[in-house]
Amino acid sequence: MSKKDADTPLPTPKPIEEMILDCQHDKYSAIPLAAVWAKELRRREENRHLTANEILELALREVLGGTVDWKSVKKNLSAAAGGAAAASVGAEAKKPKE
């Protein structure tokens, strides 16, 4: 690592308030999207150690940063619903009939 690399500071992430104010898209549709995305993030195993506030902040950053949109959320929700439906069908098939 060169001295020049050691002297350059790491970029600090923007505060959430600044991201909301600088949002180019409809801010009022971003909030419900962030709420739905936060629920999806909570279901993921890698986020189990995060608090509710940290998950909400992560969801807001991803939505306002443009990494998540309605299409990707719908795709994730339908995949999760399909997996849950397949699991419930499998569980029903394993039940003994009376």
PDB file of N, CA and C in Angstrom:
ATOM      1  N   MET A   1       0.854  -1.172   0.000  1.00  0.00           N
ATOM      2  CA  MET A   1       0.000   0.000   0.000  1.00  0.00           C
ATOM      3  C   MET A   1       0.898   1.233   0.000  1.00  0.00           C
ATOM      4  N   SER A   2       0.624   2.134  -0.906  1.00  0.00           N
ATOM      5  CA  SER A   2       1.465   3.327  -0.999  1.00  0.00           C
ATOM      6  C   SER A   2       1.010   4.374   0.009  1.00  0.00           C
ATOM      7  N   LYS A   3       1.861   5.359   0.193  1.00  0.00           N
ATOM      8  CA  LYS A   3       1.551   6.423   1.155  1.00  0.00           C
ATOM      9  C   LYS A   3       0.343   7.226   0.691  1.00  0.00           C
ATOM     10  N   LYS A   4       0.207   7.387  -0.633  1.00  0.00           N
ATOM     11  CA  LYS A   4      -0.916   8.146  -1.170  1.00  0.00           C
ATOM     12  C   LYS A   4      -2.238   7.445  -0.841  1.00  0.00           C
ATOM     13  N   ASP A   5      -2.253   6.098  -0.915  1.00  0.00           N
ATOM     14  CA  ASP A   5      -3.458   5.351  -0.582  1.00  0.00           C
ATOM     15  C   ASP A   5      -3.802   5.470   0.896  1.00  0.00           C
ATOM     16  N   ALA A   6      -2.807   5.538   1.740  1.00  0.00           N
ATOM     17  CA  ALA A   6      -3.034   5.639   3.177  1.00  0.00           C
ATOM     18  C   ALA A   6      -3.559   7.013   3.574  1.00  0.00           C
ATOM     19  N   ASP A   7      -3.230   8.041   2.798  1.00  0.00           N
ATOM     20  CA  ASP A   7      -3.647   9.397   3.131  1.00  0.00           C
ATOM     21  C   ASP A   7      -5.063   9.720   2.657  1.00  0.00           C
ATOM     22  N   THR A   8      -5.594   8.985   1.686  1.00  0.00           N
ATOM     23  CA  THR A   8      -6.930   9.294   1.189  1.00  0.00           C
ATOM     24  C   THR A   8      -7.972   8.768   2.163  1.00  0.00           C
ATOM     25  N   PRO A   9      -8.844   9.648   2.632  1.00  0.00           N
ATOM     26  CA  PRO A   9      -9.870   9.211   3.583  1.00  0.00           C
ATOM     27  C   PRO A   9     -10.949   8.414   2.862  1.00  0.00           C
ATOM     28  N   LEU A  10     -11.567   7.512   3.590  1.00  0.00           N
ATOM     29  CA  LEU A  10     -12.672   6.746   3.035  1.00  0.00           C
ATOM     30  C   LEU A  10     -13.893   7.648   2.905  1.00  0.00           C
ATOM     31  N   PRO A  11     -14.679   7.475   1.841  1.00  0.00           N
ATOM     32  CA  PRO A  11     -15.875   8.322   1.703  1.00  0.00           C
ATOM     33  C   PRO A  11     -16.896   7.981   2.778  1.00  0.00           C
ATOM     34  N   THR A  12     -17.439   9.012   3.385  1.00  0.00           N
ATOM     35  CA  THR A  12     -18.459   8.799   4.420  1.00  0.00           C
ATOM     36  C   THR A  12     -19.826   8.755   3.743  1.00  0.00           C
ATOM     37  N   PRO A  13     -20.694   7.877   4.200  1.00  0.00           N
ATOM     38  CA  PRO A  13     -22.022   7.809   3.585  1.00  0.00           C
ATOM     39  C   PRO A  13     -22.836   9.048   3.924  1.00  0.00           C
ATOM     40  N   LYS A  14     -23.737   9.381   3.001  1.00  0.00           N
ATOM     41  CA  LYS A  14     -24.605  10.538   3.213  1.00  0.00           C
ATOM     42  C   LYS A  14     -25.580  10.242   4.355  1.00  0.00           C
ATOM     43  N   PRO A  15     -25.919  11.250   5.120  1.00  0.00           N
ATOM     44  CA  PRO A  15     -26.968  11.057   6.136  1.00  0.00           C
ATOM     45  C   PRO A  15     -28.320  10.811   5.456  1.00  0.00           C
ATOM     46  N   ILE A  16     -29.180  10.090   6.139  1.00  0.00           N
ATOM     47  CA  ILE A  16     -30.502   9.761   5.588  1.00  0.00           C
ATOM     48  C   ILE A  16     -31.289  11.029   5.248  1.00  0.00           C
ATOM     49  N   GLU A  17     -31.199  12.034   6.107  1.00  0.00           N
ATOM     50  CA  GLU A  17     -31.942  13.274   5.877  1.00  0.00           C
ATOM     51  C   GLU A  17     -31.527  13.923   4.561  1.00  0.00           C
ATOM     52  N   GLU A  18     -30.230  13.916   4.290  1.00  0.00           N
ATOM     53  CA  GLU A  18     -29.731  14.490   3.041  1.00  0.00           C
ATOM     54  C   GLU A  18     -30.197  13.667   1.842  1.00  0.00           C
ATOM     55  N   MET A  19     -30.217  12.352   1.994  1.00  0.00           N
ATOM     56  CA  MET A  19     -30.688  11.493   0.904  1.00  0.00           C
ATOM     57  C   MET A  19     -32.161  11.741   0.600  1.00  0.00           C
ATOM     58  N   ILE A  20     -32.955  11.968   1.637  1.00  0.00           N
ATOM     59  CA  ILE A  20     -34.381  12.244   1.435  1.00  0.00           C
ATOM     60  C   ILE A  20     -34.565  13.577   0.735  1.00  0.00           C
ATOM     61  N   LEU A  21     -33.816  14.576   1.161  1.00  0.00           N
ATOM     62  CA  LEU A  21     -33.947  15.890   0.535  1.00  0.00           C
ATOM     63  C   LEU A  21     -33.463  15.903  -0.902  1.00  0.00           C
ATOM     64  N   ASP A  22     -32.456  15.097  -1.216  1.00  0.00           N
ATOM     65  CA  ASP A  22     -31.901  15.057  -2.562  1.00  0.00           C
ATOM     66  C   ASP A  22     -32.580  14.035  -3.464  1.00  0.00           C
ATOM     67  N   CYS A  23     -33.592  13.351  -2.971  1.00  0.00           N
ATOM     68  CA  CYS A  23     -34.262  12.298  -3.734  1.00  0.00           C
ATOM     69  C   CYS A  23     -34.886  12.881  -5.002  1.00  0.00           C
ATOM     70  N   GLN A  24     -34.563  12.274  -6.140  1.00  0.00           N
ATOM     71  CA  GLN A  24     -35.084  12.754  -7.421  1.00  0.00           C
ATOM     72  C   GLN A  24     -36.448  12.152  -7.751  1.00  0.00           C
ATOM     73  N   HIS A  25     -36.777  11.037  -7.128  1.00  0.00           N
ATOM     74  CA  HIS A  25     -38.046  10.368  -7.385  1.00  0.00           C
ATOM     75  C   HIS A  25     -39.089  10.839  -6.377  1.00  0.00           C
ATOM     76  N   ASP A  26     -40.275  10.295  -6.496  1.00  0.00           N
ATOM     77  CA  ASP A  26     -41.365  10.653  -5.592  1.00  0.00           C
ATOM     78  C   ASP A  26     -41.051  10.175  -4.178  1.00  0.00           C
ATOM     79  N   LYS A  27     -40.864  11.115  -3.276  1.00  0.00           N
ATOM     80  CA  LYS A  27     -40.510  10.781  -1.889  1.00  0.00           C
ATOM     81  C   LYS A  27     -41.629  10.033  -1.189  1.00  0.00           C
ATOM     82  N   TYR A  28     -42.855  10.318  -1.565  1.00  0.00           N
ATOM     83  CA  TYR A  28     -43.990   9.724  -0.878  1.00  0.00           C
ATOM     84  C   TYR A  28     -44.220   8.270  -1.277  1.00  0.00           C
ATOM     85  N   SER A  29     -43.733   7.857  -2.432  1.00  0.00           N
ATOM     86  CA  SER A  29     -43.818   6.443  -2.781  1.00  0.00           C
ATOM     87  C   SER A  29     -42.591   5.686  -2.286  1.00  0.00           C
ATOM     88  N   ALA A  30     -41.529   6.405  -1.952  1.00  0.00           N
ATOM     89  CA  ALA A  30     -40.312   5.756  -1.446  1.00  0.00           C
ATOM     90  C   ALA A  30     -40.518   5.243  -0.026  1.00  0.00           C
ATOM     91  N   ILE A  31     -41.342   5.893   0.751  1.00  0.00           N
ATOM     92  CA  ILE A  31     -41.554   5.486   2.138  1.00  0.00           C
ATOM     93  C   ILE A  31     -42.262   4.134   2.229  1.00  0.00           C
ATOM     94  N   PRO A  32     -43.381   3.909   1.506  1.00  0.00           N
ATOM     95  CA  PRO A  32     -43.986   2.568   1.557  1.00  0.00           C
ATOM     96  C   PRO A  32     -43.061   1.490   0.996  1.00  0.00           C
ATOM     97  N   LEU A  33     -42.302   1.836  -0.036  1.00  0.00           N
ATOM     98  CA  LEU A  33     -41.347   0.889  -0.598  1.00  0.00           C
ATOM     99  C   LEU A  33     -40.288   0.522   0.433  1.00  0.00           C
ATOM    100  N   ALA A  34     -39.786   1.498   1.162  1.00  0.00           N
ATOM    101  CA  ALA A  34     -38.791   1.236   2.201  1.00  0.00           C
ATOM    102  C   ALA A  34     -39.379   0.380   3.317  1.00  0.00           C
ATOM    103  N   ALA A  35     -40.652   0.589   3.642  1.00  0.00           N
ATOM    104  CA  ALA A  35     -41.294  -0.206   4.695  1.00  0.00           C
ATOM    105  C   ALA A  35     -41.415  -1.670   4.270  1.00  0.00           C
ATOM    106  N   VAL A  36     -41.826  -1.898   3.034  1.00  0.00           N
ATOM    107  CA  VAL A  36     -41.947  -3.267   2.528  1.00  0.00           C
ATOM    108  C   VAL A  36     -40.566  -3.908   2.418  1.00  0.00           C
ATOM    109  N   TRP A  37     -39.585  -3.140   1.958  1.00  0.00           N
ATOM    110  CA  TRP A  37     -38.232  -3.670   1.821  1.00  0.00           C
ATOM    111  C   TRP A  37     -37.626  -3.982   3.198  1.00  0.00           C
ATOM    112  N   ALA A  38     -37.948  -3.181   4.195  1.00  0.00           N
ATOM    113  CA  ALA A  38     -37.456  -3.444   5.549  1.00  0.00           C
ATOM    114  C   ALA A  38     -38.005  -4.768   6.076  1.00  0.00           C
ATOM    115  N   LYS A  39     -39.267  -5.067   5.778  1.00  0.00           N
ATOM    116  CA  LYS A  39     -39.843  -6.350   6.185  1.00  0.00           C
ATOM    117  C   LYS A  39     -39.120  -7.508   5.501  1.00  0.00           C
ATOM    118  N   GLU A  40     -38.797  -7.321   4.229  1.00  0.00           N
ATOM    119  CA  GLU A  40     -38.069  -8.360   3.498  1.00  0.00           C
ATOM    120  C   GLU A  40     -36.657  -8.534   4.059  1.00  0.00           C
ATOM    121  N   LEU A  41     -36.003  -7.436   4.393  1.00  0.00           N
ATOM    122  CA  LEU A  41     -34.659  -7.523   4.968  1.00  0.00           C
ATOM    123  C   LEU A  41     -34.689  -8.214   6.324  1.00  0.00           C
ATOM    124  N   ARG A  42     -35.731  -8.009   7.091  1.00  0.00           N
ATOM    125  CA  ARG A  42     -35.854  -8.606   8.417  1.00  0.00           C
ATOM    126  C   ARG A  42     -35.952 -10.128   8.313  1.00  0.00           C
ATOM    127  N   ARG A  43     -36.577 -10.614   7.232  1.00  0.00           N
ATOM    128  CA  ARG A  43     -36.728 -12.052   7.054  1.00  0.00           C
ATOM    129  C   ARG A  43     -35.412 -12.745   6.720  1.00  0.00           C
ATOM    130  N   ARG A  44     -34.460 -12.015   6.194  1.00  0.00           N
ATOM    131  CA  ARG A  44     -33.200 -12.617   5.767  1.00  0.00           C
ATOM    132  C   ARG A  44     -32.324 -12.962   6.962  1.00  0.00           C
ATOM    133  N   GLU A  45     -31.673 -14.092   6.856  1.00  0.00           N
ATOM    134  CA  GLU A  45     -30.853 -14.604   7.953  1.00  0.00           C
ATOM    135  C   GLU A  45     -29.670 -13.694   8.259  1.00  0.00           C
ATOM    136  N   GLU A  46     -29.056 -13.095   7.246  1.00  0.00           N
ATOM    137  CA  GLU A  46     -27.870 -12.268   7.485  1.00  0.00           C
ATOM    138  C   GLU A  46     -28.185 -10.968   8.219  1.00  0.00           C
ATOM    139  N   ASN A  47     -29.462 -10.621   8.334  1.00  0.00           N
ATOM    140  CA  ASN A  47     -29.847  -9.384   9.021  1.00  0.00           C
ATOM    141  C   ASN A  47     -30.462  -9.639  10.393  1.00  0.00           C
ATOM    142  N   ARG A  48     -30.420 -10.847  10.876  1.00  0.00           N
ATOM    143  CA  ARG A  48     -31.048 -11.183  12.158  1.00  0.00           C
ATOM    144  C   ARG A  48     -30.407 -10.449  13.336  1.00  0.00           C
ATOM    145  N   HIS A  49     -29.146 -10.107  13.215  1.00  0.00           N
ATOM    146  CA  HIS A  49     -28.451  -9.456  14.330  1.00  0.00           C
ATOM    147  C   HIS A  49     -28.708  -7.946  14.379  1.00  0.00           C
ATOM    148  N   LEU A  50     -29.313  -7.372  13.340  1.00  0.00           N
ATOM    149  CA  LEU A  50     -29.552  -5.926  13.289  1.00  0.00           C
ATOM    150  C   LEU A  50     -30.808  -5.557  14.071  1.00  0.00           C
ATOM    151  N   THR A  51     -30.787  -4.355  14.633  1.00  0.00           N
ATOM    152  CA  THR A  51     -31.974  -3.853  15.325  1.00  0.00           C
ATOM    153  C   THR A  51     -32.969  -3.331  14.297  1.00  0.00           C
ATOM    154  N   ALA A  52     -34.179  -3.031  14.752  1.00  0.00           N
ATOM    155  CA  ALA A  52     -35.216  -2.524  13.852  1.00  0.00           C
ATOM    156  C   ALA A  52     -34.793  -1.198  13.219  1.00  0.00           C
ATOM    157  N   ASN A  53     -34.159  -0.330  14.003  1.00  0.00           N
ATOM    158  CA  ASN A  53     -33.709   0.953  13.461  1.00  0.00           C
ATOM    159  C   ASN A  53     -32.632   0.776  12.408  1.00  0.00           C
ATOM    160  N   GLU A  54     -31.729  -0.166  12.622  1.00  0.00           N
ATOM    161  CA  GLU A  54     -30.666  -0.411  11.645  1.00  0.00           C
ATOM    162  C   GLU A  54     -31.224  -0.988  10.347  1.00  0.00           C
ATOM    163  N   ILE A  55     -32.211  -1.858  10.459  1.00  0.00           N
ATOM    164  CA  ILE A  55     -32.834  -2.419   9.265  1.00  0.00           C
ATOM    165  C   ILE A  55     -33.586  -1.346   8.499  1.00  0.00           C
ATOM    166  N   LEU A  56     -34.302  -0.488   9.207  1.00  0.00           N
ATOM    167  CA  LEU A  56     -35.026   0.599   8.551  1.00  0.00           C
ATOM    168  C   LEU A  56     -34.060   1.552   7.863  1.00  0.00           C
ATOM    169  N   GLU A  57     -32.948   1.869   8.508  1.00  0.00           N
ATOM    170  CA  GLU A  57     -31.951   2.745   7.890  1.00  0.00           C
ATOM    171  C   GLU A  57     -31.349   2.092   6.650  1.00  0.00           C
ATOM    172  N   LEU A  58     -31.066   0.805   6.723  1.00  0.00           N
ATOM    173  CA  LEU A  58     -30.534   0.080   5.575  1.00  0.00           C
ATOM    174  C   LEU A  58     -31.530   0.079   4.424  1.00  0.00           C
ATOM    175  N   ALA A  59     -32.796  -0.148   4.733  1.00  0.00           N
ATOM    176  CA  ALA A  59     -33.836  -0.147   3.705  1.00  0.00           C
ATOM    177  C   ALA A  59     -33.967   1.230   3.061  1.00  0.00           C
ATOM    178  N   LEU A  60     -33.958   2.274   3.874  1.00  0.00           N
ATOM    179  CA  LEU A  60     -34.043   3.633   3.327  1.00  0.00           C
ATOM    180  C   LEU A  60     -32.840   3.951   2.444  1.00  0.00           C
ATOM    181  N   ARG A  61     -31.650   3.564   2.880  1.00  0.00           N
ATOM    182  CA  ARG A  61     -30.450   3.810   2.073  1.00  0.00           C
ATOM    183  C   ARG A  61     -30.527   3.100   0.723  1.00  0.00           C
ATOM    184  N   GLU A  62     -31.004   1.860   0.727  1.00  0.00           N
ATOM    185  CA  GLU A  62     -31.082   1.111  -0.517  1.00  0.00           C
ATOM    186  C   GLU A  62     -32.164   1.661  -1.442  1.00  0.00           C
ATOM    187  N   VAL A  63     -33.287   2.076  -0.879  1.00  0.00           N
ATOM    188  CA  VAL A  63     -34.368   2.623  -1.698  1.00  0.00           C
ATOM    189  C   VAL A  63     -33.981   3.994  -2.250  1.00  0.00           C
ATOM    190  N   LEU A  64     -33.503   4.875  -1.380  1.00  0.00           N
ATOM    191  CA  LEU A  64     -33.157   6.225  -1.823  1.00  0.00           C
ATOM    192  C   LEU A  64     -31.897   6.241  -2.687  1.00  0.00           C
ATOM    193  N   GLY A  65     -31.023   5.265  -2.482  1.00  0.00           N
ATOM    194  CA  GLY A  65     -29.818   5.158  -3.290  1.00  0.00           C
ATOM    195  C   GLY A  65     -30.079   4.574  -4.668  1.00  0.00           C
ATOM    196  N   GLY A  66     -31.247   3.990  -4.875  1.00  0.00           N
ATOM    197  CA  GLY A  66     -31.614   3.462  -6.179  1.00  0.00           C
ATOM    198  C   GLY A  66     -31.245   2.003  -6.393  1.00  0.00           C
ATOM    199  N   THR A  67     -30.759   1.319  -5.378  1.00  0.00           N
ATOM    200  CA  THR A  67     -30.412  -0.088  -5.557  1.00  0.00           C
ATOM    201  C   THR A  67     -31.632  -0.995  -5.492  1.00  0.00           C
ATOM    202  N   VAL A  68     -32.734  -0.495  -4.927  1.00  0.00           N
ATOM    203  CA  VAL A  68     -33.965  -1.277  -4.811  1.00  0.00           C
ATOM    204  C   VAL A  68     -35.094  -0.466  -5.422  1.00  0.00           C
ATOM    205  N   ASP A  69     -35.931  -1.147  -6.238  1.00  0.00           N
ATOM    206  CA  ASP A  69     -37.120  -0.504  -6.783  1.00  0.00           C
ATOM    207  C   ASP A  69     -38.303  -1.448  -6.612  1.00  0.00           C
ATOM    208  N   TRP A  70     -39.476  -1.017  -7.051  1.00  0.00           N
ATOM    209  CA  TRP A  70     -40.678  -1.813  -6.846  1.00  0.00           C
ATOM    210  C   TRP A  70     -40.577  -3.161  -7.543  1.00  0.00           C
ATOM    211  N   LYS A  71     -39.944  -3.204  -8.714  1.00  0.00           N
ATOM    212  CA  LYS A  71     -39.843  -4.469  -9.451  1.00  0.00           C
ATOM    213  C   LYS A  71     -39.053  -5.503  -8.666  1.00  0.00           C
ATOM    214  N   SER A  72     -37.927  -5.091  -8.111  1.00  0.00           N
ATOM    215  CA  SER A  72     -37.109  -6.050  -7.363  1.00  0.00           C
ATOM    216  C   SER A  72     -37.802  -6.484  -6.075  1.00  0.00           C
ATOM    217  N   VAL A  73     -38.537  -5.584  -5.441  1.00  0.00           N
ATOM    218  CA  VAL A  73     -39.265  -5.947  -4.221  1.00  0.00           C
ATOM    219  C   VAL A  73     -40.372  -6.941  -4.550  1.00  0.00           C
ATOM    220  N   LYS A  74     -41.109  -6.693  -5.625  1.00  0.00           N
ATOM    221  CA  LYS A  74     -42.181  -7.615  -6.017  1.00  0.00           C
ATOM    222  C   LYS A  74     -41.609  -8.977  -6.377  1.00  0.00           C
ATOM    223  N   LYS A  75     -40.462  -8.982  -7.043  1.00  0.00           N
ATOM    224  CA  LYS A  75     -39.835 -10.251  -7.411  1.00  0.00           C
ATOM    225  C   LYS A  75     -39.437 -11.033  -6.158  1.00  0.00           C
ATOM    226  N   ASN A  76     -38.838 -10.345  -5.181  1.00  0.00           N
ATOM    227  CA  ASN A  76     -38.442 -11.003  -3.935  1.00  0.00           C
ATOM    228  C   ASN A  76     -39.650 -11.494  -3.143  1.00  0.00           C
ATOM    229  N   LEU A  77     -40.710 -10.696  -3.119  1.00  0.00           N
ATOM    230  CA  LEU A  77     -41.913 -11.101  -2.386  1.00  0.00           C
ATOM    231  C   LEU A  77     -42.590 -12.290  -3.037  1.00  0.00           C
ATOM    232  N   SER A  78     -42.640 -12.302  -4.377  1.00  0.00           N
ATOM    233  CA  SER A  78     -43.268 -13.432  -5.057  1.00  0.00           C
ATOM    234  C   SER A  78     -42.432 -14.691  -4.902  1.00  0.00           C
ATOM    235  N   ALA A  79     -41.105 -14.550  -4.897  1.00  0.00           N
ATOM    236  CA  ALA A  79     -40.243 -15.712  -4.681  1.00  0.00           C
ATOM    237  C   ALA A  79     -40.420 -16.241  -3.264  1.00  0.00           C
ATOM    238  N   ALA A  80     -40.521 -15.342  -2.293  1.00  0.00           N
ATOM    239  CA  ALA A  80     -40.722 -15.763  -0.905  1.00  0.00           C
ATOM    240  C   ALA A  80     -42.097 -16.394  -0.738  1.00  0.00           C
ATOM    241  N   ALA A  81     -43.107 -15.836  -1.378  1.00  0.00           N
ATOM    242  CA  ALA A  81     -44.455 -16.386  -1.283  1.00  0.00           C
ATOM    243  C   ALA A  81     -44.524 -17.733  -1.978  1.00  0.00           C
ATOM    244  N   GLY A  82     -43.841 -17.869  -3.112  1.00  0.00           N
ATOM    245  CA  GLY A  82     -43.820 -19.148  -3.812  1.00  0.00           C
ATOM    246  C   GLY A  82     -43.131 -20.214  -3.001  1.00  0.00           C
ATOM    247  N   GLY A  83     -42.048 -19.854  -2.335  1.00  0.00           N
ATOM    248  CA  GLY A  83     -41.338 -20.807  -1.481  1.00  0.00           C
ATOM    249  C   GLY A  83     -42.165 -21.209  -0.285  1.00  0.00           C
ATOM    250  N   ALA A  84     -42.882 -20.254   0.284  1.00  0.00           N
ATOM    251  CA  ALA A  84     -43.729 -20.555   1.436  1.00  0.00           C
ATOM    252  C   ALA A  84     -44.914 -21.412   1.006  1.00  0.00           C
ATOM    253  N   ALA A  85     -45.466 -21.132  -0.179  1.00  0.00           N
ATOM    254  CA  ALA A  85     -46.582 -21.928  -0.669  1.00  0.00           C
ATOM    255  C   ALA A  85     -46.137 -23.352  -0.973  1.00  0.00           C
ATOM    256  N   ALA A  86     -44.952 -23.501  -1.557  1.00  0.00           N
ATOM    257  CA  ALA A  86     -44.433 -24.833  -1.853  1.00  0.00           C
ATOM    258  C   ALA A  86     -44.165 -25.603  -0.560  1.00  0.00           C
ATOM    259  N   ALA A  87     -43.672 -24.913   0.452  1.00  0.00           N
ATOM    260  CA  ALA A  87     -43.413 -25.568   1.738  1.00  0.00           C
ATOM    261  C   ALA A  87     -44.713 -26.007   2.395  1.00  0.00           C
ATOM    262  N   SER A  88     -45.754 -25.174   2.299  1.00  0.00           N
ATOM    263  CA  SER A  88     -47.022 -25.547   2.915  1.00  0.00           C
ATOM    264  C   SER A  88     -47.680 -26.685   2.159  1.00  0.00           C
ATOM    265  N   VAL A  89     -47.537 -26.727   0.833  1.00  0.00           N
ATOM    266  CA  VAL A  89     -48.082 -27.834   0.058  1.00  0.00           C
ATOM    267  C   VAL A  89     -47.351 -29.117   0.420  1.00  0.00           C
ATOM    268  N   GLY A  90     -46.029 -29.029   0.575  1.00  0.00           N
ATOM    269  CA  GLY A  90     -45.254 -30.188   0.973  1.00  0.00           C
ATOM    270  C   GLY A  90     -45.644 -30.684   2.348  1.00  0.00           C
ATOM    271  N   ALA A  91     -45.931 -29.771   3.260  1.00  0.00           N
ATOM    272  CA  ALA A  91     -46.348 -30.148   4.606  1.00  0.00           C
ATOM    273  C   ALA A  91     -47.731 -30.809   4.583  1.00  0.00           C
ATOM    274  N   GLU A  92     -48.603 -30.310   3.735  1.00  0.00           N
ATOM    275  CA  GLU A  92     -49.940 -30.901   3.611  1.00  0.00           C
ATOM    276  C   GLU A  92     -49.845 -32.307   3.045  1.00  0.00           C
ATOM    277  N   ALA A  93     -48.938 -32.525   2.107  1.00  0.00           N
ATOM    278  CA  ALA A  93     -48.798 -33.839   1.495  1.00  0.00           C
ATOM    279  C   ALA A  93     -48.256 -34.859   2.491  1.00  0.00           C
ATOM    280  N   LYS A  94     -47.475 -34.409   3.474  1.00  0.00           N
ATOM    281  CA  LYS A  94     -46.886 -35.317   4.452  1.00  0.00           C
ATOM    282  C   LYS A  94     -47.865 -35.702   5.553  1.00  0.00           C
ATOM    283  N   LYS A  95     -48.955 -34.954   5.712  1.00  0.00           N
ATOM    284  CA  LYS A  95     -49.925 -35.260   6.768  1.00  0.00           C
ATOM    285  C   LYS A  95     -50.650 -36.559   6.458  1.00  0.00           C
ATOM    286  N   PRO A  96     -50.826 -37.396   7.460  1.00  0.00           N
ATOM    287  CA  PRO A  96     -51.593 -38.617   7.212  1.00  0.00           C
ATOM    288  C   PRO A  96     -53.069 -38.290   7.048  1.00  0.00           C
ATOM    289  N   LYS A  97     -53.700 -38.946   6.107  1.00  0.00           N
ATOM    290  CA  LYS A  97     -55.118 -38.705   5.872  1.00  0.00           C
ATOM    291  C   LYS A  97     -55.934 -39.506   6.863  1.00  0.00           C
ATOM    292  N   GLU A  98     -57.042 -38.924   7.283  1.00  0.00           N
ATOM    293  CA  GLU A  98     -57.899 -39.591   8.272  1.00  0.00           C
ATOM    294  C   GLU A  98     -59.046 -40.251   7.609  1.00  0.00           C
TER     295      GLU A  98
END
